[in-house]
Protein backbone atom coordinates (compact mmCIF):
# COMPACT_ATOMS: atom_id res chain seq x y z
CA MET A 1 -11.47 -16.27 3.92
CA LYS A 2 -10.19 -14.84 0.67
CA ILE A 3 -7.21 -12.53 1.11
CA PRO A 4 -7.32 -9.59 0.82
CA HIS A 5 -10.68 -8.86 2.44
CA ILE A 6 -11.73 -5.23 2.79
CA LYS A 7 -14.98 -4.74 4.65
CA THR A 8 -14.94 -1.02 5.54
CA ALA A 9 -14.09 2.20 3.81
CA LEU A 10 -10.42 3.01 4.37
CA PRO A 11 -9.55 4.14 6.88
CA GLY A 12 -12.22 2.41 8.95
CA PRO A 13 -13.69 4.12 12.02
CA LYS A 14 -11.22 2.67 14.53
CA ALA A 15 -8.25 3.37 12.27
CA LYS A 16 -9.44 6.93 11.64
CA ALA A 17 -9.70 7.60 15.37
CA ILE A 18 -6.17 6.31 16.01
CA VAL A 19 -4.77 8.38 13.12
CA GLU A 20 -6.40 11.48 14.61
CA ARG A 21 -4.86 10.73 18.03
CA ASP A 22 -1.48 10.16 16.40
CA GLU A 23 -1.54 13.52 14.62
CA LYS A 24 -1.92 15.31 17.97
CA CYS A 25 1.07 13.77 19.71
CA THR A 26 3.50 12.26 17.17
CA ALA A 27 6.32 14.14 15.48
CA PRO A 28 5.31 15.20 11.96
CA ALA A 29 8.66 13.96 10.61
CA TYR A 30 7.16 10.54 9.98
CA GLY A 31 6.17 10.11 6.33
CA ARG A 32 3.10 7.91 6.54
CA VAL A 33 2.03 6.86 3.03
CA TYR A 34 -1.54 5.74 3.74
CA PRO A 35 -3.76 5.28 6.82
CA LEU A 36 -2.93 1.68 7.66
CA VAL A 37 -3.38 1.01 11.39
CA VAL A 38 -2.11 -2.50 12.10
CA LYS A 39 -3.64 -4.82 14.67
CA GLU A 40 -1.94 -8.09 13.78
CA GLY A 41 0.25 -9.74 11.16
CA ARG A 42 0.56 -13.38 10.15
CA GLY A 43 2.69 -14.54 7.25
CA CYS A 44 1.92 -12.30 4.26
CA VAL A 45 -1.32 -10.98 5.78
CA ILE A 46 -1.89 -7.80 7.79
CA GLU A 47 -5.10 -7.21 9.74
CA ASP A 48 -5.99 -3.65 10.65
CA VAL A 49 -7.92 -2.50 13.71
CA ASP A 50 -11.20 -2.58 11.77
CA GLY A 51 -10.79 -6.19 10.70
CA ASN A 52 -9.67 -5.51 7.13
CA LEU A 53 -7.20 -8.04 5.78
CA PHE A 54 -4.39 -6.91 3.47
CA LEU A 55 -1.93 -8.81 1.30
CA ASP A 56 1.48 -7.46 2.29
CA PHE A 57 3.95 -6.86 -0.53
CA MET A 58 6.07 -4.35 1.37
CA ALA A 59 7.12 -6.42 4.43
CA GLY A 60 7.81 -3.37 6.58
CA ILE A 61 10.18 -2.04 3.86
CA ALA A 62 11.86 -5.40 3.20
CA VAL A 63 12.20 -6.27 6.89
CA ALA A 64 9.75 -9.13 7.56
CA ASN A 65 11.61 -11.59 5.33
CA THR A 66 10.29 -14.63 7.23
CA GLY A 67 6.77 -13.23 7.23
CA HIS A 68 4.96 -11.60 10.12
CA ALA A 69 5.19 -13.37 13.49
CA HIS A 70 6.81 -16.55 12.19
CA PRO A 71 6.24 -19.16 14.94
CA ARG A 72 9.91 -20.16 15.17
CA VAL A 73 11.08 -16.56 15.43
CA VAL A 74 8.43 -15.81 18.06
CA LYS A 75 9.48 -18.91 20.00
CA ALA A 76 13.13 -17.85 19.96
CA ILE A 77 12.17 -14.38 21.21
CA GLU A 78 10.00 -15.80 24.00
CA GLU A 79 12.65 -18.26 25.18
CA GLN A 80 15.35 -15.60 25.36
CA ALA A 81 13.03 -13.03 26.96
CA ARG A 82 12.42 -15.43 29.85
CA LYS A 83 16.19 -15.60 30.50
CA PHE A 84 17.21 -11.92 30.32
CA LEU A 85 16.36 -8.93 28.15
CA HIS A 86 19.52 -6.84 28.39
CA ILE A 87 23.01 -6.75 29.88
CA CYS A 88 24.90 -4.54 27.32
CA GLY A 89 27.16 -6.33 24.89
CA SER A 90 29.62 -3.43 24.90
CA ASP A 91 30.56 -4.31 28.50
CA PHE A 92 29.73 -7.98 29.05
CA TYR A 93 29.46 -11.31 27.24
CA TYR A 94 26.53 -13.58 26.41
CA GLU A 95 26.30 -16.54 24.08
CA PRO A 96 23.54 -15.39 21.67
CA MET A 97 25.70 -12.42 20.65
CA VAL A 98 28.78 -14.60 20.15
CA GLU A 99 26.83 -17.26 18.26
CA LEU A 100 25.31 -14.70 15.91
CA ALA A 101 28.68 -13.01 15.32
CA GLU A 102 30.17 -16.39 14.40
CA LYS A 103 27.32 -17.04 11.99
CA LEU A 104 27.48 -13.64 10.30
CA ALA A 105 31.26 -13.85 9.95
CA SER A 106 30.84 -17.16 8.15
CA LEU A 107 28.17 -15.74 5.82
CA MET A 108 30.02 -12.65 4.58
CA PRO A 109 31.52 -13.31 1.14
CA GLY A 110 35.28 -13.56 0.88
CA PRO A 111 38.06 -15.61 2.46
CA GLY A 112 39.67 -15.06 5.84
CA GLY A 113 38.35 -14.09 9.23
CA LYS A 114 35.72 -11.44 9.89
CA LYS A 115 34.77 -9.27 12.85
CA VAL A 116 31.21 -8.15 13.64
CA PHE A 117 30.01 -4.97 15.33
CA PHE A 118 26.33 -4.93 16.34
CA THR A 119 23.99 -1.95 16.15
CA ASN A 120 20.26 -1.30 16.41
CA SER A 121 19.53 -0.19 12.86
CA GLY A 122 20.80 0.30 9.34
CA THR A 123 21.81 3.91 9.80
CA GLU A 124 23.86 3.02 12.90
CA THR A 125 25.55 0.27 10.92
CA VAL A 126 26.54 2.75 8.22
CA GLU A 127 27.82 5.15 10.88
CA ALA A 128 30.02 2.38 12.27
CA ALA A 129 31.36 1.54 8.81
CA PHE A 130 32.05 5.23 8.14
CA LYS A 131 34.04 5.53 11.38
CA LEU A 132 35.95 2.30 10.87
CA ALA A 133 36.89 3.19 7.28
CA ARG A 134 38.37 6.51 8.35
CA TYR A 135 40.03 5.04 11.44
CA HIS A 136 41.67 2.16 9.60
CA THR A 137 42.83 3.99 6.48
CA LYS A 138 43.67 7.34 8.17
CA ARG A 139 42.02 8.91 5.09
CA GLN A 140 39.20 11.43 5.29
CA HIS A 141 37.31 11.31 1.98
CA VAL A 142 34.43 8.95 1.19
CA ILE A 143 32.50 8.33 -2.03
CA ALA A 144 28.81 7.47 -2.41
CA PHE A 145 26.33 7.61 -5.29
CA HIS A 146 23.46 9.64 -6.64
CA GLY A 147 20.28 7.81 -5.69
CA ALA A 148 21.86 6.19 -2.63
CA PHE A 149 20.03 5.81 0.66
CA HIS A 150 22.22 4.94 3.65
CA GLY A 151 20.20 6.37 6.53
CA ARG A 152 19.24 9.62 8.23
CA SER A 153 21.70 10.12 11.10
CA MET A 154 24.33 12.72 10.29
CA GLY A 155 27.10 10.50 8.90
CA ALA A 156 24.71 8.23 7.02
CA LEU A 157 22.74 11.25 5.81
CA SER A 158 25.94 12.71 4.39
CA LEU A 159 26.19 9.60 2.21
CA THR A 160 22.50 9.58 1.30
CA ALA A 161 21.57 11.21 -2.01
CA SER A 162 18.26 9.66 -3.01
CA ARG A 163 16.24 12.82 -2.44
CA ALA A 164 17.33 16.37 -1.65
CA SER A 165 14.48 16.61 0.87
CA HIS A 166 16.27 14.13 3.13
CA ARG A 167 19.20 16.54 3.45
CA ALA A 168 17.42 19.89 3.35
CA HIS A 169 18.13 22.26 6.30
CA PHE A 170 20.44 19.79 8.08
CA GLY A 171 23.72 21.21 6.81
CA PRO A 172 26.55 21.44 7.12
CA LEU A 173 26.85 17.68 6.82
CA ILE A 174 29.99 15.58 7.27
CA PRO A 175 32.75 17.03 5.07
CA GLY A 176 34.75 14.94 2.62
CA VAL A 177 31.81 13.06 1.08
CA HIS A 178 31.62 13.01 -2.74
CA HIS A 179 28.73 11.75 -4.88
CA VAL A 180 28.97 10.32 -8.39
CA PRO A 181 26.46 8.67 -10.77
CA TYR A 182 25.36 5.13 -9.91
CA GLY A 183 26.09 2.35 -12.38
CA PHE A 184 22.87 2.14 -14.34
CA CYS A 185 19.52 3.72 -14.93
CA HIS A 186 17.29 3.31 -17.96
CA ARG A 187 16.90 7.09 -17.87
CA CYS A 188 20.64 7.73 -17.59
CA PRO A 189 21.25 11.43 -18.37
CA TYR A 190 24.99 11.03 -18.84
CA GLN A 191 26.42 10.93 -22.36
CA LEU A 192 28.49 7.80 -22.77
CA LYS A 193 32.15 8.53 -23.39
CA TYR A 194 34.08 5.72 -21.79
CA GLY A 195 32.13 2.57 -22.70
CA SER A 196 28.95 0.91 -21.45
CA CYS A 197 26.79 2.60 -18.84
CA GLY A 198 28.42 0.61 -16.04
CA MET A 199 31.91 1.35 -17.33
CA GLU A 200 30.96 5.00 -17.74
CA CYS A 201 30.06 5.45 -14.11
CA VAL A 202 33.18 3.69 -12.82
CA ASN A 203 35.52 5.47 -15.20
CA VAL A 204 34.06 8.83 -14.22
CA LEU A 205 35.68 8.27 -10.83
CA GLU A 206 39.16 8.09 -12.32
CA LYS A 207 38.73 10.46 -15.23
CA VAL A 208 36.69 13.14 -13.49
CA LEU A 209 36.49 12.89 -9.68
CA PHE A 210 40.08 11.74 -9.09
CA ARG A 211 41.36 14.29 -11.59
CA HIS A 212 39.44 17.38 -10.52
CA GLU A 213 38.22 16.90 -6.94
CA VAL A 214 40.09 14.41 -4.75
CA ARG A 215 43.12 12.18 -5.12
CA PRO A 216 42.34 8.45 -4.78
CA GLU A 217 45.05 8.09 -2.14
CA GLU A 218 42.93 10.30 0.11
CA VAL A 219 39.74 8.24 -0.25
CA ALA A 220 38.95 5.93 2.65
CA ALA A 221 35.95 4.06 1.24
CA ILE A 222 33.32 3.75 -1.43
CA PHE A 223 29.83 3.01 -0.09
CA VAL A 224 27.56 1.24 -2.56
CA GLU A 225 24.22 -0.55 -2.54
CA PRO A 226 24.55 -3.63 -4.80
CA VAL A 227 20.98 -2.85 -5.85
CA GLN A 228 19.82 0.66 -5.06
CA GLY A 229 16.76 0.59 -2.83
CA GLU A 230 15.24 3.99 -2.08
CA GLY A 231 16.81 5.25 -5.31
CA GLY A 232 14.40 3.16 -7.39
CA TYR A 233 15.32 -0.56 -7.14
CA ILE A 234 18.10 0.00 -9.66
CA VAL A 235 20.06 -3.11 -10.72
CA PRO A 236 23.52 -2.28 -12.13
CA PRO A 237 24.87 -3.90 -15.31
CA PRO A 238 27.05 -7.01 -14.89
CA GLU A 239 30.40 -5.25 -15.23
CA TYR A 240 29.72 -2.41 -12.82
CA LEU A 241 30.36 -3.82 -9.34
CA PRO A 242 33.37 -5.95 -10.40
CA MET A 243 34.90 -2.84 -11.99
CA LEU A 244 34.20 -0.86 -8.84
CA GLN A 245 35.87 -3.54 -6.73
CA ASP A 246 38.92 -3.52 -9.02
CA LEU A 247 39.14 0.25 -8.69
CA CYS A 248 39.07 0.01 -4.91
CA ARG A 249 41.79 -2.64 -4.88
CA LYS A 250 43.92 -0.51 -7.22
CA TYR A 251 43.98 2.46 -4.86
CA GLY A 252 43.66 0.80 -1.46
CA ILE A 253 40.12 2.11 -1.03
CA LEU A 254 37.74 0.09 1.15
CA LEU A 255 34.65 -1.24 -0.63
CA VAL A 256 31.63 -1.01 1.68
CA ALA A 257 28.55 -2.95 0.54
CA ASP A 258 25.34 -1.57 2.01
CA GLU A 259 23.20 -4.73 2.11
CA ILE A 260 20.70 -3.28 4.55
CA GLN A 261 17.77 -3.73 2.17
CA THR A 262 19.26 -6.30 -0.21
CA GLY A 263 20.57 -8.76 2.39
CA PHE A 264 19.20 -11.90 4.01
CA GLY A 265 17.68 -13.54 0.97
CA ARG A 266 15.86 -10.56 -0.51
CA THR A 267 17.46 -10.97 -3.97
CA GLY A 268 17.53 -14.78 -3.99
CA LYS A 269 20.95 -15.04 -2.35
CA MET A 270 21.99 -14.40 1.24
CA PHE A 271 23.64 -11.15 0.10
CA ALA A 272 23.11 -9.41 -3.22
CA CYS A 273 26.84 -8.91 -3.85
CA GLU A 274 27.07 -12.67 -4.38
CA HIS A 275 25.32 -12.24 -7.74
CA TRP A 276 28.49 -10.58 -9.05
CA GLY A 277 31.11 -12.42 -7.00
CA ILE A 278 31.91 -9.29 -4.99
CA GLU A 279 33.92 -9.63 -1.76
CA PRO A 280 33.51 -6.35 0.14
CA ASP A 281 35.87 -5.14 2.81
CA ILE A 282 32.93 -4.11 4.98
CA LEU A 283 29.32 -5.28 4.75
CA CYS A 284 26.44 -3.38 6.36
CA ALA A 285 23.37 -5.41 7.37
CA ALA A 286 20.07 -4.69 9.12
CA LYS A 287 16.36 -4.81 8.14
CA GLY A 288 15.74 -8.52 7.35
CA ILE A 289 18.40 -9.76 9.77
CA ALA A 290 16.00 -10.38 12.67
CA SER A 291 12.47 -10.50 11.20
CA GLY A 292 11.51 -7.11 12.63
CA MET A 293 13.52 -6.93 15.83
CA PRO A 294 15.84 -3.88 15.99
CA LEU A 295 19.27 -5.13 14.99
CA GLY A 296 22.05 -4.23 12.61
CA ALA A 297 25.52 -5.59 12.01
CA MET A 298 28.70 -4.26 10.44
CA ILE A 299 30.86 -7.15 9.25
CA ALA A 300 34.46 -6.35 8.33
CA ARG A 301 37.50 -8.31 7.27
CA ASP A 302 39.89 -9.09 10.13
CA GLU A 303 42.64 -6.90 8.77
CA ILE A 304 40.23 -3.96 8.52
CA SER A 305 39.00 -4.24 12.12
CA THR A 306 41.91 -2.33 13.62
CA TRP A 307 40.06 -0.02 15.97
CA LYS A 308 40.91 -0.32 19.66
CA ASP A 309 39.02 -0.94 22.88
CA SER A 310 36.14 1.54 23.40
CA THR A 311 36.71 3.23 20.01
CA HIS A 312 33.02 2.62 19.31
CA GLY A 313 30.13 1.14 21.26
CA SER A 314 26.38 0.59 21.57
CA THR A 315 24.20 0.15 24.63
CA TYR A 316 21.60 -2.01 22.90
CA GLY A 317 23.40 -3.25 19.78
CA GLY A 318 23.47 -7.03 19.81
CA ASN A 319 20.60 -7.19 22.29
CA PRO A 320 20.15 -10.86 23.33
CA VAL A 321 16.48 -11.02 22.32
CA ALA A 322 17.24 -9.52 18.90
CA CYS A 323 20.18 -11.92 18.46
CA ALA A 324 17.92 -14.89 19.23
CA ALA A 325 15.46 -13.66 16.61
CA ALA A 326 18.27 -13.25 14.08
CA LEU A 327 19.60 -16.76 14.64
CA ALA A 328 16.10 -18.20 14.06
CA THR A 329 15.67 -15.97 11.00
CA ILE A 330 18.93 -17.06 9.38
CA GLN A 331 18.12 -20.72 10.00
CA LEU A 332 14.76 -20.30 8.24
CA LEU A 333 16.42 -18.51 5.33
CA GLU A 334 18.96 -21.29 4.89
CA GLU A 335 16.31 -23.99 5.17
CA GLY A 336 14.41 -22.77 2.13
CA LEU A 337 13.26 -19.16 2.16
CA ILE A 338 16.21 -17.94 0.08
CA ASP A 339 15.50 -20.71 -2.41
CA ASN A 340 11.85 -19.67 -2.49
CA ALA A 341 12.82 -16.06 -3.25
CA ALA A 342 15.03 -17.27 -6.10
CA LYS A 343 12.19 -19.45 -7.40
CA VAL A 344 9.12 -17.21 -7.16
CA GLY A 345 10.90 -13.88 -7.72
CA PRO A 346 11.21 -14.47 -11.49
CA VAL A 347 7.53 -15.50 -11.56
CA LEU A 348 6.56 -12.15 -10.06
CA LYS A 349 8.89 -10.27 -12.39
CA ASP A 350 7.55 -12.06 -15.48
CA LYS A 351 3.94 -11.37 -14.53
CA LEU A 352 4.69 -7.69 -13.95
CA THR A 353 6.66 -7.45 -17.18
CA ALA A 354 3.71 -8.94 -19.09
CA LEU A 355 1.58 -5.99 -17.96
CA LYS A 356 3.73 -3.64 -20.06
CA GLN A 357 2.07 -4.96 -23.21
CA SER A 358 -1.31 -3.56 -22.23
CA HIS A 359 -0.33 -0.61 -20.04
CA ASN A 360 1.78 2.08 -21.67
CA SER A 361 2.20 3.78 -18.31
CA ILE A 362 4.66 1.04 -17.26
CA ALA A 363 8.13 2.11 -18.37
CA ASP A 364 10.28 -0.58 -16.82
CA VAL A 365 10.24 -3.66 -14.60
CA ARG A 366 13.53 -4.57 -12.94
CA GLY A 367 14.92 -6.41 -9.94
CA LEU A 368 16.41 -9.56 -8.48
CA GLY A 369 14.63 -12.20 -6.43
CA LEU A 370 11.82 -10.60 -4.45
CA MET A 371 13.17 -7.07 -4.84
CA ILE A 372 11.35 -5.80 -7.93
CA GLY A 373 10.52 -2.28 -9.04
CA VAL A 374 7.88 -1.13 -11.52
CA ASP A 375 8.56 2.28 -13.06
CA PHE A 376 5.86 4.57 -14.47
CA GLU A 377 6.02 7.26 -17.14
CA ASP A 378 3.61 9.71 -18.74
CA GLY A 379 2.71 10.15 -22.39
CA ASP A 380 5.90 12.14 -22.99
CA ASP A 381 8.13 9.33 -21.66
CA LYS A 382 8.88 11.26 -18.48
CA PRO A 383 8.80 9.81 -14.95
CA ASP A 384 5.27 9.99 -13.56
CA GLY A 385 5.43 9.97 -9.79
CA LYS A 386 1.91 11.33 -9.38
CA PHE A 387 0.42 8.45 -11.33
CA ARG A 388 2.59 6.02 -9.35
CA ASP A 389 1.16 7.44 -6.13
CA ARG A 390 -2.41 7.07 -7.40
CA VAL A 391 -1.75 3.43 -8.29
CA MET A 392 -0.33 2.79 -4.82
CA GLN A 393 -3.42 4.35 -3.20
CA LYS A 394 -5.79 2.34 -5.40
CA ALA A 395 -3.90 -0.84 -4.55
CA PHE A 396 -4.23 -0.04 -0.84
CA GLU A 397 -7.98 0.45 -1.23
CA ARG A 398 -8.13 -3.03 -2.78
CA GLY A 399 -6.08 -4.58 0.03
CA LEU A 400 -2.60 -4.75 -1.53
CA LEU A 401 0.20 -3.05 0.40
CA LEU A 402 2.95 -1.53 -1.74
CA LEU A 403 5.55 1.21 -1.26
CA SER A 404 7.11 3.77 -3.54
CA CYS A 405 10.77 4.49 -4.20
CA GLY A 406 12.81 6.49 -6.67
CA GLU A 407 11.19 9.13 -8.82
CA SER A 408 8.30 7.07 -10.18
CA THR A 409 8.71 3.47 -8.98
CA LEU A 410 6.60 1.07 -6.94
CA ARG A 411 8.54 -1.61 -5.12
CA PHE A 412 7.43 -5.21 -4.68
CA CYS A 413 9.23 -6.71 -1.67
CA PRO A 414 6.92 -9.27 -0.05
CA PRO A 415 7.98 -11.68 2.69
CA LEU A 416 10.13 -14.47 1.30
CA ILE A 417 7.45 -17.02 2.24
CA VAL A 418 5.16 -15.64 -0.49
CA THR A 419 3.51 -18.23 -2.75
CA GLU A 420 2.81 -18.18 -6.48
CA ASN A 421 -0.92 -17.95 -5.74
CA GLU A 422 -0.36 -14.86 -3.61
CA ILE A 423 1.79 -13.40 -6.39
CA SER A 424 -0.99 -13.97 -8.92
CA THR A 425 -3.50 -12.28 -6.61
CA ALA A 426 -1.18 -9.31 -6.07
CA VAL A 427 -0.57 -8.79 -9.78
CA GLU A 428 -4.31 -8.95 -10.53
CA ILE A 429 -5.01 -6.29 -7.90
CA PHE A 430 -2.07 -4.21 -9.16
CA GLU A 431 -3.40 -4.24 -12.71
CA SER A 432 -6.88 -3.21 -11.59
CA ALA A 433 -5.31 -0.37 -9.61
CA ILE A 434 -3.50 0.83 -12.77
CA VAL A 435 -6.74 0.82 -14.71
CA ASP A 436 -8.61 2.69 -11.97
CA ALA A 437 -5.82 5.25 -11.54
CA ALA A 438 -5.67 6.13 -15.24
């Protein structure tokens, strides 16, 4: 059967009934983007409860890197589930947790030993990094960036600055957090004074923040996404992250790389910071680490991991079933899925870039590997989020699953198993959605 295959109006009758039930009993905090009610997923295909088949180019927000229900991941989960489901890694030992910690320590860029702390999610991983940075340095202040998304729990939310709505009515947040411009945006509103855009945003730390707001000797860490995710799939210029690393080394500030969305092959390398030769002090991982099982990991250099027994903990972090899934996931990534992302990602980017010639609404196409954003603007060259949302809805109606990010961006983050034929199909549907939304 040709994929996608839409045979009912959306939502279909079964999906509509489930959505109505959900609205009566589920917290309204969830931000559902369209009425997709999933029955089953296989590879890059999602089937809803009415039998409609969708081509998935969102992968559960860059989580299902090995595709939905990959047989080897499912097998690893089944085998571990038959042994035991839980025993609490904060209190006891089991081999899957140790084996995964060894593997992650070997994968983190940079020389020397590493220590791993397991969590259940990205936001918990950021919380752990926040605590460790303050504990190790005995400094209170932390720096993050405009456009950053690090999570929604209170510490992570204090670092998040992608949308004011995430933070509204939750204050006061954690004190001592400072936000500065991220390294690059094609709509950068800041007048260049100190060099290129990347240099500008690093130098503003020394020439503005460290001069007027906080001394660098009081800063524990800088949290940065190598490629901003929720902020709009923003790729910094080549000099930006190396300059940021140099600044951290100069003042003894810990560099924390949030690789929660960019990690595990998403950008064509195991971790995105490898594109620039960055060696972070702490690396935050989650999302694609275990193909959809709840797992996160904070990986830190040995000399940073100075906290003592029971300083931090997690009842479920490093769950044995999730660890088994992660080990199978990493093996698949190393056996070819990262290479596939590096190979077909540029194909997708080129095809999307070619659409700019015939669609003036497309302002920019940017990204690395299979993490690509398409930005929309109106006739006055201003971000057009409303048009972006119409395109996303039209794509959904045609069976292509996409997600928004930033002010006016659609993100393309399919499973890393995606083929060139599936890419061609997705781009054709995307273009028809643009035409219909105009």
